[in-house]
N, C-alpha and C. Protein backbone atom coordinates (compact mmCIF):
# COMPACT_ATOMS: atom_id res chain seq x y z
N MET A 1 0.85 -1.18 0.00
CA MET A 1 0.00 0.00 0.00
C MET A 1 0.89 1.24 0.00
N ASP A 2 0.49 2.19 -0.80
CA ASP A 2 1.22 3.45 -0.94
C ASP A 2 0.26 4.59 -0.60
N ILE A 3 0.62 5.41 0.38
CA ILE A 3 -0.19 6.57 0.74
C ILE A 3 0.52 7.81 0.23
N ARG A 4 -0.22 8.65 -0.50
CA ARG A 4 0.38 9.88 -1.04
C ARG A 4 -0.58 11.05 -0.93
N VAL A 5 -0.01 12.23 -1.07
CA VAL A 5 -0.81 13.45 -1.03
C VAL A 5 -1.73 13.46 -2.26
N MET A 6 -2.99 13.79 -2.03
CA MET A 6 -3.97 13.83 -3.10
C MET A 6 -3.71 15.02 -4.02
N THR A 7 -3.88 14.80 -5.33
CA THR A 7 -3.82 15.88 -6.31
C THR A 7 -5.08 15.83 -7.16
N ILE A 8 -5.33 16.88 -7.90
CA ILE A 8 -6.51 16.90 -8.75
C ILE A 8 -6.42 15.83 -9.84
N ASP A 9 -5.23 15.37 -10.17
CA ASP A 9 -5.08 14.29 -11.15
C ASP A 9 -5.71 12.98 -10.66
N ASP A 10 -5.95 12.87 -9.35
CA ASP A 10 -6.58 11.68 -8.78
C ASP A 10 -8.10 11.72 -8.89
N TYR A 11 -8.65 12.83 -9.36
CA TYR A 11 -10.10 13.05 -9.24
C TYR A 11 -10.96 11.96 -9.88
N ASP A 12 -10.67 11.56 -11.09
CA ASP A 12 -11.54 10.58 -11.76
C ASP A 12 -11.60 9.27 -10.97
N LYS A 13 -10.47 8.79 -10.51
CA LYS A 13 -10.46 7.56 -9.71
C LYS A 13 -11.10 7.81 -8.34
N LEU A 14 -10.89 8.99 -7.79
CA LEU A 14 -11.50 9.34 -6.51
C LEU A 14 -13.03 9.32 -6.61
N TYR A 15 -13.56 9.98 -7.62
CA TYR A 15 -15.00 10.01 -7.81
C TYR A 15 -15.54 8.60 -8.04
N GLY A 16 -14.83 7.81 -8.80
CA GLY A 16 -15.21 6.42 -9.01
C GLY A 16 -15.26 5.64 -7.71
N LEU A 17 -14.28 5.86 -6.85
CA LEU A 17 -14.28 5.21 -5.53
C LEU A 17 -15.48 5.66 -4.72
N TRP A 18 -15.73 6.96 -4.69
CA TRP A 18 -16.88 7.49 -3.93
C TRP A 18 -18.17 6.81 -4.36
N MET A 19 -18.32 6.53 -5.64
CA MET A 19 -19.55 5.94 -6.15
C MET A 19 -19.75 4.50 -5.68
N THR A 20 -18.70 3.89 -5.12
CA THR A 20 -18.82 2.52 -4.62
C THR A 20 -19.11 2.45 -3.13
N ILE A 21 -19.13 3.60 -2.46
CA ILE A 21 -19.25 3.61 -1.00
C ILE A 21 -20.71 3.80 -0.60
N ARG A 22 -21.29 2.76 -0.02
CA ARG A 22 -22.68 2.79 0.43
C ARG A 22 -22.87 3.83 1.54
N GLY A 23 -23.93 4.63 1.42
CA GLY A 23 -24.25 5.62 2.44
C GLY A 23 -23.53 6.94 2.28
N PHE A 24 -22.71 7.06 1.25
CA PHE A 24 -21.94 8.28 1.02
C PHE A 24 -22.85 9.38 0.50
N GLY A 25 -22.61 10.61 0.93
CA GLY A 25 -23.33 11.77 0.41
C GLY A 25 -22.42 12.58 -0.48
N ILE A 26 -22.78 12.73 -1.74
CA ILE A 26 -21.96 13.46 -2.72
C ILE A 26 -22.69 14.74 -3.09
N ARG A 27 -22.01 15.88 -2.95
CA ARG A 27 -22.60 17.16 -3.30
C ARG A 27 -22.27 17.53 -4.74
N SER A 28 -23.27 18.06 -5.43
CA SER A 28 -23.13 18.33 -6.86
C SER A 28 -22.06 19.37 -7.18
N ILE A 29 -21.88 20.36 -6.32
CA ILE A 29 -20.87 21.41 -6.57
C ILE A 29 -19.60 21.13 -5.79
N ASP A 30 -19.71 20.93 -4.49
CA ASP A 30 -18.52 20.74 -3.65
C ASP A 30 -17.69 19.54 -4.06
N ASP A 31 -18.33 18.49 -4.54
CA ASP A 31 -17.62 17.26 -4.89
C ASP A 31 -17.37 17.11 -6.39
N SER A 32 -17.65 18.17 -7.13
CA SER A 32 -17.32 18.19 -8.56
C SER A 32 -15.80 18.34 -8.69
N ARG A 33 -15.29 18.14 -9.88
CA ARG A 33 -13.85 18.33 -10.12
C ARG A 33 -13.42 19.73 -9.68
N GLU A 34 -14.21 20.74 -10.05
CA GLU A 34 -13.88 22.12 -9.70
C GLU A 34 -13.92 22.34 -8.19
N GLY A 35 -14.89 21.75 -7.52
CA GLY A 35 -15.00 21.89 -6.07
C GLY A 35 -13.84 21.25 -5.34
N VAL A 36 -13.46 20.05 -5.77
CA VAL A 36 -12.33 19.36 -5.14
C VAL A 36 -11.03 20.09 -5.45
N GLU A 37 -10.89 20.60 -6.66
CA GLU A 37 -9.68 21.35 -7.02
C GLU A 37 -9.56 22.60 -6.14
N ARG A 38 -10.66 23.29 -5.91
CA ARG A 38 -10.65 24.47 -5.04
C ARG A 38 -10.22 24.09 -3.62
N PHE A 39 -10.74 22.97 -3.12
CA PHE A 39 -10.38 22.50 -1.79
C PHE A 39 -8.90 22.16 -1.71
N LEU A 40 -8.39 21.46 -2.72
CA LEU A 40 -6.97 21.06 -2.71
C LEU A 40 -6.04 22.25 -2.85
N LYS A 41 -6.44 23.27 -3.58
CA LYS A 41 -5.61 24.48 -3.67
C LYS A 41 -5.52 25.17 -2.32
N ARG A 42 -6.60 25.15 -1.57
CA ARG A 42 -6.61 25.77 -0.23
C ARG A 42 -5.84 24.91 0.77
N ASN A 43 -5.84 23.60 0.57
CA ASN A 43 -5.22 22.64 1.48
C ASN A 43 -4.33 21.69 0.67
N PRO A 44 -3.19 22.16 0.20
CA PRO A 44 -2.40 21.37 -0.76
C PRO A 44 -1.64 20.17 -0.20
N THR A 45 -1.48 20.08 1.12
CA THR A 45 -0.62 19.02 1.67
C THR A 45 -1.32 18.07 2.62
N THR A 46 -2.60 18.24 2.85
CA THR A 46 -3.24 17.50 3.94
C THR A 46 -4.19 16.39 3.51
N SER A 47 -4.65 16.36 2.27
CA SER A 47 -5.53 15.29 1.80
C SER A 47 -4.68 14.14 1.27
N VAL A 48 -5.17 12.90 1.44
CA VAL A 48 -4.37 11.75 1.04
C VAL A 48 -5.18 10.73 0.24
N THR A 49 -4.45 9.92 -0.50
CA THR A 49 -4.99 8.77 -1.20
C THR A 49 -4.16 7.55 -0.84
N ALA A 50 -4.79 6.39 -0.87
CA ALA A 50 -4.10 5.12 -0.63
C ALA A 50 -4.25 4.27 -1.89
N TRP A 51 -3.14 3.67 -2.31
CA TRP A 51 -3.10 2.94 -3.58
C TRP A 51 -2.55 1.54 -3.37
N GLU A 52 -3.09 0.61 -4.12
CA GLU A 52 -2.55 -0.73 -4.27
C GLU A 52 -2.26 -0.85 -5.75
N GLY A 53 -1.01 -0.60 -6.13
CA GLY A 53 -0.67 -0.51 -7.55
C GLY A 53 -1.37 0.70 -8.15
N ASP A 54 -2.13 0.48 -9.22
CA ASP A 54 -2.87 1.57 -9.87
C ASP A 54 -4.29 1.71 -9.35
N LEU A 55 -4.67 0.88 -8.38
CA LEU A 55 -6.03 0.89 -7.85
C LEU A 55 -6.11 1.81 -6.63
N LEU A 56 -6.99 2.80 -6.70
CA LEU A 56 -7.24 3.67 -5.56
C LEU A 56 -8.08 2.91 -4.55
N ILE A 57 -7.53 2.69 -3.35
CA ILE A 57 -8.24 1.89 -2.35
C ILE A 57 -8.74 2.71 -1.17
N GLY A 58 -8.35 3.97 -1.09
CA GLY A 58 -8.83 4.80 0.01
C GLY A 58 -8.49 6.26 -0.21
N ALA A 59 -9.21 7.12 0.50
CA ALA A 59 -8.96 8.56 0.36
C ALA A 59 -9.55 9.31 1.54
N ILE A 60 -8.95 10.45 1.84
CA ILE A 60 -9.48 11.40 2.82
C ILE A 60 -9.26 12.80 2.28
N LEU A 61 -10.33 13.57 2.18
CA LEU A 61 -10.20 15.01 1.97
C LEU A 61 -9.97 15.60 3.36
N CYS A 62 -8.87 16.28 3.54
CA CYS A 62 -8.51 16.83 4.85
C CYS A 62 -8.05 18.27 4.66
N GLY A 63 -8.60 19.14 5.46
CA GLY A 63 -8.20 20.54 5.39
C GLY A 63 -8.33 21.21 6.75
N HIS A 64 -8.01 22.48 6.76
CA HIS A 64 -8.14 23.23 8.01
C HIS A 64 -8.39 24.70 7.71
N ASP A 65 -8.85 25.40 8.73
CA ASP A 65 -9.13 26.83 8.61
C ASP A 65 -8.10 27.67 9.36
N GLY A 66 -6.99 27.06 9.75
CA GLY A 66 -5.97 27.75 10.53
C GLY A 66 -6.11 27.49 12.02
N ARG A 67 -7.21 26.92 12.41
CA ARG A 67 -7.50 26.65 13.82
C ARG A 67 -7.80 25.17 14.06
N ARG A 68 -8.68 24.63 13.25
CA ARG A 68 -9.11 23.24 13.43
C ARG A 68 -9.12 22.53 12.09
N GLY A 69 -8.66 21.27 12.13
CA GLY A 69 -8.70 20.45 10.94
C GLY A 69 -10.03 19.73 10.82
N CYS A 70 -10.33 19.28 9.62
CA CYS A 70 -11.56 18.53 9.39
C CYS A 70 -11.34 17.48 8.32
N PHE A 71 -11.89 16.29 8.55
CA PHE A 71 -11.85 15.21 7.58
C PHE A 71 -13.19 15.17 6.86
N TYR A 72 -13.12 14.97 5.56
CA TYR A 72 -14.30 14.80 4.72
C TYR A 72 -14.12 13.56 3.86
N HIS A 73 -15.20 12.87 3.61
CA HIS A 73 -15.22 11.76 2.65
C HIS A 73 -14.11 10.74 2.92
N VAL A 74 -14.00 10.31 4.15
CA VAL A 74 -13.05 9.26 4.50
C VAL A 74 -13.63 7.94 3.98
N CYS A 75 -12.87 7.25 3.14
CA CYS A 75 -13.41 6.00 2.60
C CYS A 75 -12.29 5.02 2.27
N VAL A 76 -12.63 3.75 2.40
CA VAL A 76 -11.76 2.65 2.00
C VAL A 76 -12.60 1.70 1.15
N ARG A 77 -12.04 1.31 0.03
CA ARG A 77 -12.74 0.41 -0.90
C ARG A 77 -13.10 -0.90 -0.19
N LYS A 78 -14.33 -1.35 -0.44
CA LYS A 78 -14.77 -2.63 0.09
C LYS A 78 -13.78 -3.70 -0.37
N GLY A 79 -13.45 -4.60 0.49
CA GLY A 79 -12.45 -5.62 0.17
C GLY A 79 -11.07 -5.26 0.69
N TYR A 80 -10.87 -3.98 1.03
CA TYR A 80 -9.59 -3.52 1.60
C TYR A 80 -9.76 -3.02 3.03
N ARG A 81 -10.97 -3.11 3.54
CA ARG A 81 -11.24 -2.65 4.90
C ARG A 81 -10.68 -3.64 5.91
N ARG A 82 -10.44 -3.13 7.11
CA ARG A 82 -9.92 -3.93 8.23
C ARG A 82 -8.50 -4.46 7.95
N ARG A 83 -7.76 -3.68 7.14
CA ARG A 83 -6.37 -4.02 6.83
C ARG A 83 -5.42 -2.89 7.23
N GLY A 84 -5.93 -1.88 7.94
CA GLY A 84 -5.09 -0.78 8.37
C GLY A 84 -5.01 0.39 7.41
N VAL A 85 -5.73 0.32 6.30
CA VAL A 85 -5.69 1.39 5.29
C VAL A 85 -6.24 2.69 5.88
N GLY A 86 -7.42 2.62 6.47
CA GLY A 86 -8.05 3.82 7.03
C GLY A 86 -7.19 4.44 8.12
N LYS A 87 -6.72 3.62 9.03
CA LYS A 87 -5.90 4.14 10.13
C LYS A 87 -4.62 4.78 9.62
N ALA A 88 -3.97 4.16 8.63
CA ALA A 88 -2.74 4.72 8.07
C ALA A 88 -3.01 6.07 7.42
N MET A 89 -4.14 6.20 6.72
CA MET A 89 -4.48 7.49 6.10
C MET A 89 -4.76 8.54 7.17
N VAL A 90 -5.50 8.16 8.22
CA VAL A 90 -5.81 9.09 9.31
C VAL A 90 -4.52 9.60 9.95
N VAL A 91 -3.60 8.70 10.24
CA VAL A 91 -2.33 9.10 10.85
C VAL A 91 -1.57 10.05 9.93
N THR A 92 -1.53 9.76 8.65
CA THR A 92 -0.83 10.63 7.69
C THR A 92 -1.46 12.02 7.66
N CYS A 93 -2.79 12.08 7.64
CA CYS A 93 -3.47 13.38 7.65
C CYS A 93 -3.19 14.14 8.95
N MET A 94 -3.24 13.44 10.08
CA MET A 94 -3.00 14.12 11.36
C MET A 94 -1.57 14.64 11.45
N GLU A 95 -0.61 13.91 10.90
CA GLU A 95 0.77 14.39 10.87
C GLU A 95 0.88 15.64 10.00
N ALA A 96 0.18 15.66 8.87
CA ALA A 96 0.20 16.84 8.00
C ALA A 96 -0.42 18.05 8.70
N LEU A 97 -1.50 17.81 9.44
CA LEU A 97 -2.12 18.90 10.20
C LEU A 97 -1.20 19.41 11.30
N ARG A 98 -0.56 18.51 12.02
CA ARG A 98 0.39 18.92 13.07
C ARG A 98 1.52 19.75 12.49
N ALA A 99 1.99 19.39 11.31
CA ALA A 99 3.06 20.14 10.65
C ALA A 99 2.62 21.57 10.34
N GLU A 100 1.30 21.78 10.21
CA GLU A 100 0.76 23.12 9.97
C GLU A 100 0.23 23.75 11.26
N GLN A 101 0.65 23.20 12.40
CA GLN A 101 0.33 23.70 13.74
C GLN A 101 -1.16 23.67 14.06
N ILE A 102 -1.84 22.66 13.54
CA ILE A 102 -3.25 22.44 13.85
C ILE A 102 -3.29 21.43 15.00
N ASN A 103 -4.04 21.75 16.05
CA ASN A 103 -4.02 20.96 17.27
C ASN A 103 -5.26 20.10 17.51
N LYS A 104 -6.28 20.26 16.69
CA LYS A 104 -7.50 19.48 16.88
C LYS A 104 -8.12 19.22 15.51
N VAL A 105 -8.73 18.05 15.36
CA VAL A 105 -9.36 17.69 14.10
C VAL A 105 -10.74 17.10 14.41
N SER A 106 -11.68 17.37 13.53
CA SER A 106 -13.03 16.85 13.70
C SER A 106 -13.52 16.25 12.40
N LEU A 107 -14.63 15.56 12.48
CA LEU A 107 -15.26 14.99 11.29
C LEU A 107 -16.73 14.81 11.57
N ILE A 108 -17.47 14.59 10.53
CA ILE A 108 -18.89 14.30 10.64
C ILE A 108 -19.11 12.93 10.01
N ALA A 109 -19.82 12.07 10.73
CA ALA A 109 -20.20 10.76 10.19
C ALA A 109 -21.72 10.66 10.29
N PHE A 110 -22.35 10.29 9.21
CA PHE A 110 -23.79 10.10 9.24
C PHE A 110 -24.15 9.04 10.26
N THR A 111 -25.24 9.25 10.97
CA THR A 111 -25.64 8.30 12.02
C THR A 111 -25.92 6.91 11.45
N LYS A 112 -26.34 6.83 10.20
CA LYS A 112 -26.62 5.53 9.58
C LYS A 112 -25.37 4.83 9.07
N ASN A 113 -24.21 5.49 9.17
CA ASN A 113 -22.96 4.93 8.67
C ASN A 113 -22.35 4.03 9.75
N ASP A 114 -22.89 2.83 9.89
CA ASP A 114 -22.43 1.91 10.94
C ASP A 114 -20.97 1.54 10.80
N ILE A 115 -20.52 1.29 9.57
CA ILE A 115 -19.12 0.90 9.36
C ILE A 115 -18.19 2.05 9.75
N GLY A 116 -18.50 3.26 9.29
CA GLY A 116 -17.66 4.41 9.63
C GLY A 116 -17.66 4.72 11.11
N ASN A 117 -18.81 4.70 11.74
CA ASN A 117 -18.89 5.00 13.16
C ASN A 117 -18.14 3.96 13.99
N ALA A 118 -18.22 2.70 13.61
CA ALA A 118 -17.47 1.66 14.31
C ALA A 118 -15.97 1.90 14.17
N PHE A 119 -15.53 2.30 12.97
CA PHE A 119 -14.11 2.59 12.73
C PHE A 119 -13.62 3.71 13.64
N TRP A 120 -14.34 4.84 13.68
CA TRP A 120 -13.89 5.98 14.47
C TRP A 120 -13.84 5.63 15.95
N ASN A 121 -14.81 4.88 16.43
CA ASN A 121 -14.79 4.45 17.84
C ASN A 121 -13.61 3.54 18.11
N LYS A 122 -13.33 2.63 17.19
CA LYS A 122 -12.25 1.65 17.38
C LYS A 122 -10.88 2.32 17.46
N ILE A 123 -10.67 3.39 16.67
CA ILE A 123 -9.34 4.01 16.69
C ILE A 123 -9.23 5.16 17.68
N GLY A 124 -10.23 5.29 18.57
CA GLY A 124 -10.08 6.19 19.71
C GLY A 124 -10.65 7.59 19.57
N TRP A 125 -11.46 7.83 18.55
CA TRP A 125 -12.08 9.14 18.42
C TRP A 125 -13.26 9.22 19.37
N THR A 126 -13.58 10.42 19.81
CA THR A 126 -14.65 10.65 20.78
C THR A 126 -15.89 11.20 20.09
N LYS A 127 -17.01 10.53 20.31
CA LYS A 127 -18.28 11.05 19.81
C LYS A 127 -18.75 12.12 20.79
N ARG A 128 -18.95 13.32 20.27
CA ARG A 128 -19.34 14.44 21.12
C ARG A 128 -20.82 14.33 21.51
N GLN A 129 -21.09 14.50 22.78
CA GLN A 129 -22.45 14.50 23.29
C GLN A 129 -22.86 15.90 23.74
N ASP A 130 -21.91 16.83 23.73
CA ASP A 130 -22.13 18.14 24.34
C ASP A 130 -22.45 19.24 23.34
N LEU A 131 -22.69 18.88 22.08
CA LEU A 131 -22.99 19.93 21.11
C LEU A 131 -23.94 19.43 20.05
N ASN A 132 -24.51 20.36 19.36
CA ASN A 132 -25.34 20.07 18.19
C ASN A 132 -24.63 20.63 16.98
N TYR A 133 -24.74 19.95 15.88
CA TYR A 133 -24.14 20.39 14.63
C TYR A 133 -25.21 21.10 13.82
N TYR A 134 -24.94 22.33 13.41
CA TYR A 134 -25.90 23.10 12.62
C TYR A 134 -25.34 23.34 11.23
N ASP A 135 -26.24 23.52 10.29
CA ASP A 135 -25.88 23.66 8.89
C ASP A 135 -26.79 24.70 8.27
N PHE A 136 -26.27 25.51 7.39
CA PHE A 136 -27.08 26.48 6.65
C PHE A 136 -26.65 26.43 5.20
N THR A 137 -27.58 26.23 4.30
CA THR A 137 -27.28 26.10 2.89
C THR A 137 -27.22 27.48 2.24
N LEU A 138 -26.07 27.82 1.68
CA LEU A 138 -25.90 29.09 0.98
C LEU A 138 -26.20 28.96 -0.51
N ASN A 139 -26.14 27.76 -1.04
CA ASN A 139 -26.36 27.55 -2.47
C ASN A 139 -27.25 26.32 -2.64
N GLU A 140 -28.50 26.54 -2.95
CA GLU A 140 -29.47 25.45 -3.10
C GLU A 140 -29.13 24.52 -4.27
N GLU A 141 -28.27 24.96 -5.19
CA GLU A 141 -27.88 24.13 -6.32
C GLU A 141 -26.86 23.07 -5.92
N ASN A 142 -26.30 23.15 -4.72
CA ASN A 142 -25.31 22.20 -4.23
C ASN A 142 -26.05 21.02 -3.61
N ILE A 143 -26.60 20.19 -4.46
CA ILE A 143 -27.50 19.10 -4.06
C ILE A 143 -26.68 17.89 -3.60
N THR A 144 -27.15 17.24 -2.54
CA THR A 144 -26.52 16.04 -2.05
C THR A 144 -27.27 14.82 -2.56
N ALA A 145 -26.55 13.90 -3.17
CA ALA A 145 -27.09 12.61 -3.58
C ALA A 145 -26.44 11.55 -2.70
N PHE A 146 -27.24 10.63 -2.20
CA PHE A 146 -26.71 9.56 -1.35
C PHE A 146 -26.58 8.28 -2.15
N ILE A 147 -25.44 7.63 -1.99
CA ILE A 147 -25.19 6.36 -2.64
C ILE A 147 -25.81 5.28 -1.76
N GLU A 148 -26.78 4.59 -2.29
CA GLU A 148 -27.47 3.54 -1.52
C GLU A 148 -26.93 2.19 -1.93
N GLU A 149 -27.25 1.19 -1.14
CA GLU A 149 -26.75 -0.15 -1.39
C GLU A 149 -27.13 -0.64 -2.79
N ASP A 150 -28.34 -0.35 -3.24
CA ASP A 150 -28.79 -0.80 -4.56
C ASP A 150 -28.01 -0.11 -5.68
N ASP A 151 -27.42 1.07 -5.40
CA ASP A 151 -26.67 1.82 -6.41
C ASP A 151 -25.28 1.24 -6.63
N VAL A 152 -24.78 0.53 -5.64
CA VAL A 152 -23.38 0.07 -5.68
C VAL A 152 -23.27 -1.22 -6.46
């Protein structure tokens, strides 16, 4: 397994991987090639991909605002899970954030994402009980489509 910094050249394989992940939410604008390119330009060293030869087996979009890091779209290809791929990517992202003097990282996992929630609990992340997460849509055209089991 080879873990490397994500570039926009990875986008086609990245999007293909996302389409295989059950329960994933893909936004029409934010997760487009242009949206991901904008994110990577703002955060050029913190997002990662995991490869087995030419096959993309995992990815994390990781960025920060100068204060706190955030993970988005953490995924590992089915068939490669429970082999340390996710944990290795998480560690790589956290090291990149530390190098940029970021001291805390957060993520959002859908409540129905049993596999993801089990992973985060297993590797020692804390589920917050003391706050509510709020969201406000600034662009109604940024539609979220969910990948369901029948779609995969």
